[in-house]
């Protein structure tokens, strides 16, 4: 869907002198399949979920990033932000905030109203992260410390195995 997202992403990474490479591949439906195609471990995948947090006067849209071999505990995200409930955004909301379809969202926010959080385990387990880069047919494999340095995410423990 978003060649524009890919261009923004690679421009940002190049400007910050990040160590990364682009991998072209066929569309794969599951994290396991795309990891095999990329030649990476499933846990290296940076899964980006668009979530909505509501309650207690809070109404926030979040880009929550975690390892692809983990599940998101949405209640932990809501609690961290002081909300009562967190839910996944609809496909239309995902497209509006990321210009991407589910599965193609990179772990970067290019929308001013989309707050980025990451589970600390994302930055601790592997030297490189892998993620789809705006389309389902193109991935980026990025040095993990470069990701942390460029994004400087708010760290929230919300991943569960």
N, C-alpha and C. Protein backbone atom coordinates (compact mmCIF):
# COMPACT_ATOMS: atom_id res chain seq x y z
N UNK A 1 0.81 -1.19 0.00
CA UNK A 1 0.00 0.00 0.00
C UNK A 1 0.86 1.26 0.00
N UNK A 2 1.94 1.25 0.80
CA UNK A 2 2.60 2.52 0.97
C UNK A 2 4.06 2.55 0.57
N UNK A 3 4.26 2.90 -0.66
CA UNK A 3 5.62 3.17 -1.15
C UNK A 3 6.14 4.43 -0.44
N UNK A 4 5.24 5.35 -0.14
CA UNK A 4 5.61 6.60 0.53
C UNK A 4 6.18 6.32 1.94
N UNK A 5 5.58 5.38 2.66
CA UNK A 5 6.08 5.01 3.98
C UNK A 5 7.48 4.42 3.86
N UNK A 6 7.68 3.57 2.86
CA UNK A 6 9.01 2.98 2.64
C UNK A 6 10.04 4.08 2.38
N UNK A 7 9.68 5.06 1.56
CA UNK A 7 10.62 6.15 1.25
C UNK A 7 10.94 6.98 2.49
N UNK A 8 9.92 7.31 3.29
CA UNK A 8 10.15 8.06 4.54
C UNK A 8 11.08 7.28 5.46
N UNK A 9 10.82 5.99 5.56
CA UNK A 9 11.60 5.14 6.45
C UNK A 9 13.06 5.05 6.03
N UNK A 10 13.30 4.73 4.77
CA UNK A 10 14.69 4.59 4.33
C UNK A 10 15.43 5.93 4.34
N UNK A 11 14.72 7.02 4.08
CA UNK A 11 15.34 8.35 4.18
C UNK A 11 15.76 8.63 5.62
N UNK A 12 14.87 8.34 6.57
CA UNK A 12 15.17 8.54 7.99
C UNK A 12 16.37 7.70 8.42
N UNK A 13 16.38 6.42 8.03
CA UNK A 13 17.47 5.53 8.42
C UNK A 13 18.79 5.99 7.82
N UNK A 14 18.77 6.41 6.57
CA UNK A 14 19.99 6.89 5.92
C UNK A 14 20.49 8.17 6.58
N UNK A 15 19.58 9.11 6.87
CA UNK A 15 19.97 10.37 7.54
C UNK A 15 20.64 10.11 8.88
N UNK A 16 20.20 9.07 9.59
CA UNK A 16 20.75 8.75 10.90
C UNK A 16 21.89 7.74 10.83
N UNK A 17 22.35 7.46 9.62
CA UNK A 17 23.46 6.52 9.39
C UNK A 17 23.23 5.18 10.07
N UNK A 18 22.01 4.69 9.95
CA UNK A 18 21.66 3.40 10.54
C UNK A 18 22.22 2.26 9.70
N UNK A 19 22.51 1.18 10.36
CA UNK A 19 22.96 -0.03 9.68
C UNK A 19 21.73 -0.88 9.37
N UNK A 20 21.37 -0.94 8.08
CA UNK A 20 20.18 -1.68 7.68
C UNK A 20 20.33 -2.21 6.27
N UNK A 21 19.45 -3.15 5.93
CA UNK A 21 19.37 -3.64 4.56
C UNK A 21 17.92 -3.91 4.23
N UNK A 22 17.60 -3.83 2.95
CA UNK A 22 16.25 -4.05 2.45
C UNK A 22 16.19 -5.44 1.83
N UNK A 23 15.13 -6.16 2.13
CA UNK A 23 14.92 -7.50 1.58
C UNK A 23 13.59 -7.50 0.83
N UNK A 24 13.64 -7.81 -0.46
CA UNK A 24 12.43 -7.96 -1.27
C UNK A 24 12.00 -9.41 -1.15
N UNK A 25 10.69 -9.67 -1.00
CA UNK A 25 10.22 -11.04 -0.84
C UNK A 25 8.75 -11.15 -1.23
N UNK A 26 8.29 -12.37 -1.36
CA UNK A 26 6.88 -12.58 -1.65
C UNK A 26 6.07 -12.30 -0.38
N UNK A 27 4.79 -12.04 -0.56
CA UNK A 27 3.92 -11.78 0.58
C UNK A 27 3.75 -13.06 1.38
N UNK A 28 3.90 -12.95 2.69
CA UNK A 28 3.72 -14.08 3.59
C UNK A 28 2.73 -13.68 4.66
N UNK A 29 1.85 -14.61 5.03
CA UNK A 29 0.78 -14.27 5.94
C UNK A 29 1.16 -14.25 7.41
N UNK A 30 2.03 -15.13 7.82
CA UNK A 30 2.32 -15.26 9.25
C UNK A 30 3.76 -14.88 9.54
N UNK A 31 3.99 -14.48 10.79
CA UNK A 31 5.34 -14.08 11.23
C UNK A 31 6.36 -15.19 10.98
N UNK A 32 5.95 -16.44 11.22
CA UNK A 32 6.86 -17.57 11.02
C UNK A 32 7.30 -17.66 9.57
N UNK A 33 6.33 -17.48 8.66
CA UNK A 33 6.63 -17.60 7.23
C UNK A 33 7.56 -16.48 6.75
N UNK A 34 7.26 -15.25 7.15
CA UNK A 34 8.08 -14.13 6.68
C UNK A 34 9.48 -14.19 7.31
N UNK A 35 9.60 -14.67 8.55
CA UNK A 35 10.92 -14.81 9.17
C UNK A 35 11.77 -15.81 8.39
N UNK A 36 11.15 -16.90 7.96
CA UNK A 36 11.86 -17.92 7.18
C UNK A 36 12.35 -17.32 5.86
N UNK A 37 11.48 -16.55 5.20
CA UNK A 37 11.85 -15.92 3.93
C UNK A 37 12.99 -14.92 4.13
N UNK A 38 12.93 -14.15 5.22
CA UNK A 38 13.97 -13.15 5.51
C UNK A 38 15.27 -13.78 5.99
N UNK A 39 15.19 -15.02 6.50
CA UNK A 39 16.37 -15.65 7.09
C UNK A 39 16.64 -15.14 8.49
N UNK A 40 15.57 -14.80 9.23
CA UNK A 40 15.70 -14.29 10.59
C UNK A 40 14.90 -15.17 11.55
N UNK A 41 15.10 -14.96 12.84
CA UNK A 41 14.31 -15.63 13.87
C UNK A 41 12.96 -14.90 14.02
N UNK A 42 11.93 -15.61 14.44
CA UNK A 42 10.62 -14.99 14.62
C UNK A 42 10.71 -13.84 15.63
N UNK A 43 11.45 -14.04 16.71
CA UNK A 43 11.58 -13.03 17.75
C UNK A 43 12.28 -11.76 17.32
N UNK A 44 12.98 -11.81 16.19
CA UNK A 44 13.61 -10.59 15.65
C UNK A 44 12.59 -9.68 14.99
N UNK A 45 11.44 -10.24 14.66
CA UNK A 45 10.40 -9.45 14.02
C UNK A 45 9.89 -8.38 14.97
N UNK A 46 9.75 -7.17 14.48
CA UNK A 46 9.18 -6.07 15.26
C UNK A 46 7.73 -5.91 14.82
N UNK A 47 6.82 -6.44 15.63
CA UNK A 47 5.39 -6.39 15.33
C UNK A 47 4.85 -5.05 15.82
N UNK A 48 4.21 -4.30 14.93
CA UNK A 48 3.67 -2.98 15.25
C UNK A 48 2.15 -3.03 15.20
N UNK A 49 1.52 -2.74 16.33
CA UNK A 49 0.07 -2.77 16.46
C UNK A 49 -0.46 -1.37 16.73
N UNK A 50 -1.50 -0.98 16.02
CA UNK A 50 -2.15 0.30 16.30
C UNK A 50 -3.28 0.01 17.29
N UNK A 51 -3.20 0.67 18.45
CA UNK A 51 -4.15 0.45 19.54
C UNK A 51 -4.80 1.77 19.94
N UNK A 52 -6.02 1.64 20.48
CA UNK A 52 -6.71 2.81 21.01
C UNK A 52 -6.86 2.61 22.51
N UNK A 53 -6.53 3.65 23.28
CA UNK A 53 -6.69 3.62 24.73
C UNK A 53 -7.75 4.64 25.10
N UNK A 54 -8.71 4.20 25.94
CA UNK A 54 -9.82 5.07 26.34
C UNK A 54 -10.08 4.94 27.83
N UNK A 55 -10.80 5.94 28.37
CA UNK A 55 -11.23 5.92 29.76
C UNK A 55 -10.45 6.87 30.63
N UNK A 56 -11.07 7.33 31.71
CA UNK A 56 -10.44 8.29 32.62
C UNK A 56 -10.04 9.57 31.91
N UNK A 57 -10.82 9.96 30.91
CA UNK A 57 -10.50 11.18 30.18
C UNK A 57 -9.39 11.01 29.15
N UNK A 58 -8.92 9.79 28.98
CA UNK A 58 -7.84 9.48 28.03
C UNK A 58 -8.48 9.01 26.72
N UNK A 59 -7.97 9.53 25.63
CA UNK A 59 -8.32 9.01 24.31
C UNK A 59 -7.06 9.16 23.47
N UNK A 60 -6.32 8.08 23.34
CA UNK A 60 -5.00 8.11 22.71
C UNK A 60 -4.86 6.97 21.74
N UNK A 61 -4.21 7.22 20.61
CA UNK A 61 -3.89 6.16 19.66
C UNK A 61 -2.40 5.88 19.80
N UNK A 62 -2.07 4.60 19.88
CA UNK A 62 -0.72 4.15 20.19
C UNK A 62 -0.22 3.22 19.09
N UNK A 63 1.05 3.34 18.76
CA UNK A 63 1.73 2.33 17.96
C UNK A 63 2.55 1.52 18.95
N UNK A 64 2.10 0.31 19.23
CA UNK A 64 2.74 -0.55 20.21
C UNK A 64 3.61 -1.58 19.49
N UNK A 65 4.90 -1.59 19.80
CA UNK A 65 5.85 -2.46 19.09
C UNK A 65 6.40 -3.50 20.05
N UNK A 66 6.37 -4.76 19.62
CA UNK A 66 6.84 -5.86 20.44
C UNK A 66 7.42 -6.95 19.55
N UNK A 67 8.16 -7.90 20.14
CA UNK A 67 8.68 -9.00 19.33
C UNK A 67 7.55 -9.81 18.71
N UNK A 68 7.76 -10.27 17.49
CA UNK A 68 6.71 -10.97 16.74
C UNK A 68 6.33 -12.32 17.34
N UNK A 69 7.17 -12.87 18.22
CA UNK A 69 6.83 -14.15 18.85
C UNK A 69 6.10 -13.96 20.18
N UNK A 70 5.66 -12.73 20.46
CA UNK A 70 4.94 -12.43 21.70
C UNK A 70 3.54 -11.91 21.37
N UNK A 71 2.67 -11.96 22.38
CA UNK A 71 1.34 -11.39 22.29
C UNK A 71 1.33 -10.09 23.09
N UNK A 72 0.47 -9.17 22.71
CA UNK A 72 0.35 -7.90 23.43
C UNK A 72 -0.70 -8.02 24.53
N UNK A 73 -0.34 -7.58 25.74
CA UNK A 73 -1.28 -7.47 26.83
C UNK A 73 -1.81 -6.03 26.79
N UNK A 74 -2.94 -5.85 26.11
CA UNK A 74 -3.47 -4.50 25.90
C UNK A 74 -3.84 -3.81 27.21
N UNK A 75 -4.21 -4.59 28.23
CA UNK A 75 -4.55 -3.97 29.52
C UNK A 75 -3.34 -3.29 30.14
N UNK A 76 -2.15 -3.82 29.92
CA UNK A 76 -0.92 -3.20 30.43
C UNK A 76 -0.69 -1.84 29.76
N UNK A 77 -1.01 -1.75 28.48
CA UNK A 77 -0.86 -0.49 27.76
C UNK A 77 -1.84 0.54 28.31
N UNK A 78 -3.09 0.11 28.51
CA UNK A 78 -4.10 1.03 29.07
C UNK A 78 -3.68 1.51 30.45
N UNK A 79 -3.24 0.60 31.29
CA UNK A 79 -2.83 0.95 32.66
C UNK A 79 -1.67 1.94 32.64
N UNK A 80 -0.68 1.69 31.79
CA UNK A 80 0.49 2.59 31.71
C UNK A 80 0.08 4.02 31.36
N UNK A 81 -0.91 4.16 30.48
CA UNK A 81 -1.33 5.48 30.03
C UNK A 81 -2.43 6.09 30.89
N UNK A 82 -2.87 5.34 31.91
CA UNK A 82 -3.91 5.85 32.78
C UNK A 82 -5.31 5.66 32.24
N UNK A 83 -5.47 4.86 31.21
CA UNK A 83 -6.78 4.59 30.64
C UNK A 83 -7.41 3.36 31.27
N UNK A 84 -8.63 3.09 30.88
CA UNK A 84 -9.34 1.93 31.42
C UNK A 84 -9.33 0.74 30.47
N UNK A 85 -9.23 1.03 29.17
CA UNK A 85 -9.36 -0.04 28.18
C UNK A 85 -8.49 0.27 26.96
N UNK A 86 -7.91 -0.78 26.40
CA UNK A 86 -7.17 -0.65 25.13
C UNK A 86 -7.71 -1.69 24.17
N UNK A 87 -7.80 -1.32 22.90
CA UNK A 87 -8.26 -2.25 21.88
C UNK A 87 -7.47 -2.00 20.60
N UNK A 88 -7.51 -2.98 19.72
CA UNK A 88 -6.84 -2.82 18.43
C UNK A 88 -7.67 -1.90 17.55
N UNK A 89 -7.01 -1.09 16.77
CA UNK A 89 -7.68 -0.19 15.83
C UNK A 89 -8.26 -0.98 14.67
N UNK A 90 -9.26 -0.41 14.03
CA UNK A 90 -9.86 -1.03 12.85
C UNK A 90 -8.92 -0.90 11.65
N UNK A 91 -9.13 -1.68 10.60
CA UNK A 91 -8.30 -1.53 9.40
C UNK A 91 -8.33 -0.10 8.85
N UNK A 92 -9.48 0.57 8.89
CA UNK A 92 -9.57 1.95 8.40
C UNK A 92 -8.74 2.89 9.26
N UNK A 93 -8.77 2.69 10.58
CA UNK A 93 -7.97 3.52 11.49
C UNK A 93 -6.48 3.26 11.29
N UNK A 94 -6.12 2.00 11.10
CA UNK A 94 -4.72 1.66 10.84
C UNK A 94 -4.23 2.38 9.59
N UNK A 95 -5.02 2.32 8.53
CA UNK A 95 -4.65 2.99 7.28
C UNK A 95 -4.54 4.50 7.47
N UNK A 96 -5.46 5.09 8.24
CA UNK A 96 -5.44 6.54 8.45
C UNK A 96 -4.20 7.00 9.22
N UNK A 97 -3.77 6.20 10.20
CA UNK A 97 -2.64 6.61 11.03
C UNK A 97 -1.28 6.18 10.48
N UNK A 98 -1.25 5.14 9.65
CA UNK A 98 0.04 4.61 9.20
C UNK A 98 0.22 4.58 7.69
N UNK A 99 -0.86 4.73 6.93
CA UNK A 99 -0.83 4.59 5.48
C UNK A 99 -0.39 3.18 5.08
N UNK A 100 -0.66 2.19 5.96
CA UNK A 100 -0.28 0.81 5.71
C UNK A 100 -1.44 -0.12 6.03
N UNK A 101 -1.35 -1.35 5.52
CA UNK A 101 -2.29 -2.39 5.90
C UNK A 101 -1.70 -3.18 7.07
N UNK A 102 -2.56 -3.93 7.79
CA UNK A 102 -2.08 -4.81 8.85
C UNK A 102 -0.93 -5.65 8.32
N UNK A 103 0.11 -5.80 9.10
CA UNK A 103 1.25 -6.63 8.70
C UNK A 103 2.34 -5.88 7.98
N UNK A 104 2.04 -4.71 7.45
CA UNK A 104 3.04 -3.94 6.71
C UNK A 104 3.52 -2.71 7.49
N UNK A 105 3.02 -2.54 8.71
CA UNK A 105 3.33 -1.35 9.50
C UNK A 105 4.74 -1.44 10.06
N UNK A 106 5.61 -0.50 9.73
CA UNK A 106 6.94 -0.51 10.32
C UNK A 106 6.87 0.01 11.76
N UNK A 107 7.87 -0.30 12.58
CA UNK A 107 7.86 0.14 13.98
C UNK A 107 8.30 1.59 14.16
N UNK A 108 7.79 2.46 13.32
CA UNK A 108 8.09 3.89 13.34
C UNK A 108 6.77 4.64 13.20
N UNK A 109 6.62 5.75 13.90
CA UNK A 109 5.42 6.57 13.74
C UNK A 109 5.76 7.81 12.93
N UNK A 110 5.03 7.98 11.84
CA UNK A 110 5.19 9.17 11.01
C UNK A 110 3.95 10.07 11.12
N UNK A 111 3.08 9.78 12.08
CA UNK A 111 1.86 10.57 12.29
C UNK A 111 1.98 11.29 13.63
N UNK A 112 1.71 12.60 13.67
CA UNK A 112 1.90 13.36 14.91
C UNK A 112 1.00 12.91 16.07
N UNK A 113 -0.13 12.26 15.78
CA UNK A 113 -1.04 11.83 16.84
C UNK A 113 -0.89 10.35 17.20
N UNK A 114 0.15 9.71 16.68
CA UNK A 114 0.37 8.29 16.93
C UNK A 114 1.60 8.13 17.82
N UNK A 115 1.34 7.95 19.12
CA UNK A 115 2.42 7.78 20.11
C UNK A 115 3.04 6.39 19.98
N UNK A 116 4.36 6.31 19.98
CA UNK A 116 5.05 5.02 19.85
C UNK A 116 5.54 4.54 21.20
N UNK A 117 5.20 3.29 21.52
CA UNK A 117 5.76 2.63 22.69
C UNK A 117 6.37 1.32 22.23
N UNK A 118 7.32 0.81 22.99
CA UNK A 118 7.93 -0.48 22.66
C UNK A 118 8.13 -1.28 23.94
N UNK A 119 7.96 -2.58 23.83
CA UNK A 119 8.27 -3.45 24.95
C UNK A 119 9.79 -3.52 25.06
N UNK A 120 10.34 -3.42 26.29
CA UNK A 120 11.80 -3.44 26.45
C UNK A 120 12.47 -4.67 25.84
N UNK A 121 11.77 -5.81 25.83
CA UNK A 121 12.38 -7.03 25.29
C UNK A 121 12.73 -6.90 23.81
N UNK A 122 12.05 -6.01 23.11
CA UNK A 122 12.34 -5.79 21.69
C UNK A 122 13.79 -5.34 21.49
N UNK A 123 14.29 -4.54 22.43
CA UNK A 123 15.64 -3.97 22.31
C UNK A 123 16.72 -4.83 22.95
N UNK A 124 16.32 -5.90 23.62
CA UNK A 124 17.27 -6.69 24.42
C UNK A 124 17.65 -8.04 23.83
N UNK A 125 16.83 -8.60 22.96
CA UNK A 125 17.00 -10.00 22.61
C UNK A 125 17.92 -10.27 21.42
N UNK A 126 17.89 -9.40 20.42
CA UNK A 126 18.64 -9.66 19.19
C UNK A 126 19.41 -8.41 18.77
N UNK A 127 20.48 -8.62 18.01
CA UNK A 127 21.27 -7.49 17.49
C UNK A 127 20.59 -6.78 16.33
N UNK A 128 19.67 -7.50 15.65
CA UNK A 128 18.97 -6.90 14.52
C UNK A 128 17.47 -7.16 14.65
N UNK A 129 16.69 -6.19 14.17
CA UNK A 129 15.24 -6.31 14.09
C UNK A 129 14.85 -6.42 12.63
N UNK A 130 13.76 -7.13 12.36
CA UNK A 130 13.25 -7.26 11.00
C UNK A 130 11.78 -6.87 11.00
N UNK A 131 11.37 -6.17 9.96
CA UNK A 131 9.98 -5.74 9.89
C UNK A 131 9.61 -5.37 8.46
N UNK A 132 8.32 -5.50 8.17
CA UNK A 132 7.83 -5.05 6.87
C UNK A 132 7.89 -3.53 6.85
N UNK A 133 8.16 -3.01 5.69
CA UNK A 133 8.47 -1.58 5.57
C UNK A 133 7.47 -0.87 4.67
N UNK A 134 6.21 -0.86 5.09
CA UNK A 134 5.18 -0.16 4.34
C UNK A 134 4.42 -1.02 3.36
N UNK A 135 5.02 -2.12 2.93
CA UNK A 135 4.35 -3.07 2.04
C UNK A 135 4.58 -4.48 2.57
N UNK A 136 3.79 -5.42 2.09
CA UNK A 136 3.95 -6.81 2.51
C UNK A 136 5.04 -7.54 1.73
N UNK A 137 5.62 -6.86 0.73
CA UNK A 137 6.63 -7.50 -0.12
C UNK A 137 8.04 -6.95 0.10
N UNK A 138 8.21 -6.12 1.12
CA UNK A 138 9.52 -5.52 1.34
C UNK A 138 9.76 -5.40 2.85
N UNK A 139 10.91 -5.89 3.28
CA UNK A 139 11.28 -5.81 4.69
C UNK A 139 12.57 -5.04 4.87
N UNK A 140 12.76 -4.54 6.08
CA UNK A 140 14.01 -3.92 6.47
C UNK A 140 14.57 -4.73 7.63
N UNK A 141 15.84 -5.01 7.59
CA UNK A 141 16.54 -5.61 8.71
C UNK A 141 17.48 -4.53 9.23
N UNK A 142 17.27 -4.14 10.48
CA UNK A 142 17.89 -2.95 11.06
C UNK A 142 18.62 -3.29 12.35
N UNK A 143 19.79 -2.72 12.54
CA UNK A 143 20.52 -2.86 13.77
C UNK A 143 19.66 -2.38 14.94
N UNK A 144 19.52 -3.21 15.96
CA UNK A 144 18.64 -2.91 17.08
C UNK A 144 19.06 -1.65 17.83
N UNK A 145 20.34 -1.47 18.06
CA UNK A 145 20.76 -0.26 18.79
C UNK A 145 20.50 0.99 17.96
N UNK A 146 20.61 0.89 16.64
CA UNK A 146 20.27 2.03 15.79
C UNK A 146 18.78 2.35 15.89
N UNK A 147 17.93 1.31 15.94
CA UNK A 147 16.50 1.53 16.10
C UNK A 147 16.22 2.29 17.40
N UNK A 148 16.79 1.80 18.48
CA UNK A 148 16.59 2.46 19.77
C UNK A 148 17.07 3.89 19.79
N UNK A 149 18.19 4.13 19.14
CA UNK A 149 18.78 5.48 19.10
C UNK A 149 17.91 6.43 18.28
N UNK A 150 17.40 5.98 17.16
CA UNK A 150 16.61 6.83 16.26
C UNK A 150 15.21 7.08 16.81
N UNK A 151 14.55 6.03 17.27
CA UNK A 151 13.16 6.14 17.71
C UNK A 151 13.06 6.63 19.15
N UNK A 152 14.00 6.19 20.00
CA UNK A 152 13.97 6.50 21.42
C UNK A 152 12.56 6.26 21.98
N UNK A 153 12.08 5.02 21.87
CA UNK A 153 10.68 4.74 22.24
C UNK A 153 10.44 4.84 23.74
N UNK A 154 9.20 5.13 24.08
CA UNK A 154 8.76 5.01 25.47
C UNK A 154 8.67 3.51 25.74
N UNK A 155 9.36 3.04 26.77
CA UNK A 155 9.39 1.60 27.06
C UNK A 155 8.28 1.25 28.04
N UNK A 156 7.47 0.28 27.65
CA UNK A 156 6.34 -0.19 28.46
C UNK A 156 6.33 -1.71 28.38
N UNK A 157 6.35 -2.38 29.52
CA UNK A 157 6.32 -3.83 29.52
C UNK A 157 4.89 -4.31 29.26
N UNK A 158 4.63 -4.81 28.05
CA UNK A 158 3.28 -5.28 27.71
C UNK A 158 3.29 -6.57 26.90
N UNK A 159 4.47 -7.12 26.61
CA UNK A 159 4.56 -8.36 25.82
C UNK A 159 4.43 -9.56 26.74
N UNK A 160 3.72 -10.57 26.25
CA UNK A 160 3.65 -11.84 26.97
C UNK A 160 3.94 -12.96 25.97
N UNK A 161 4.63 -13.98 26.46
CA UNK A 161 5.04 -15.06 25.57
C UNK A 161 3.88 -15.91 25.11
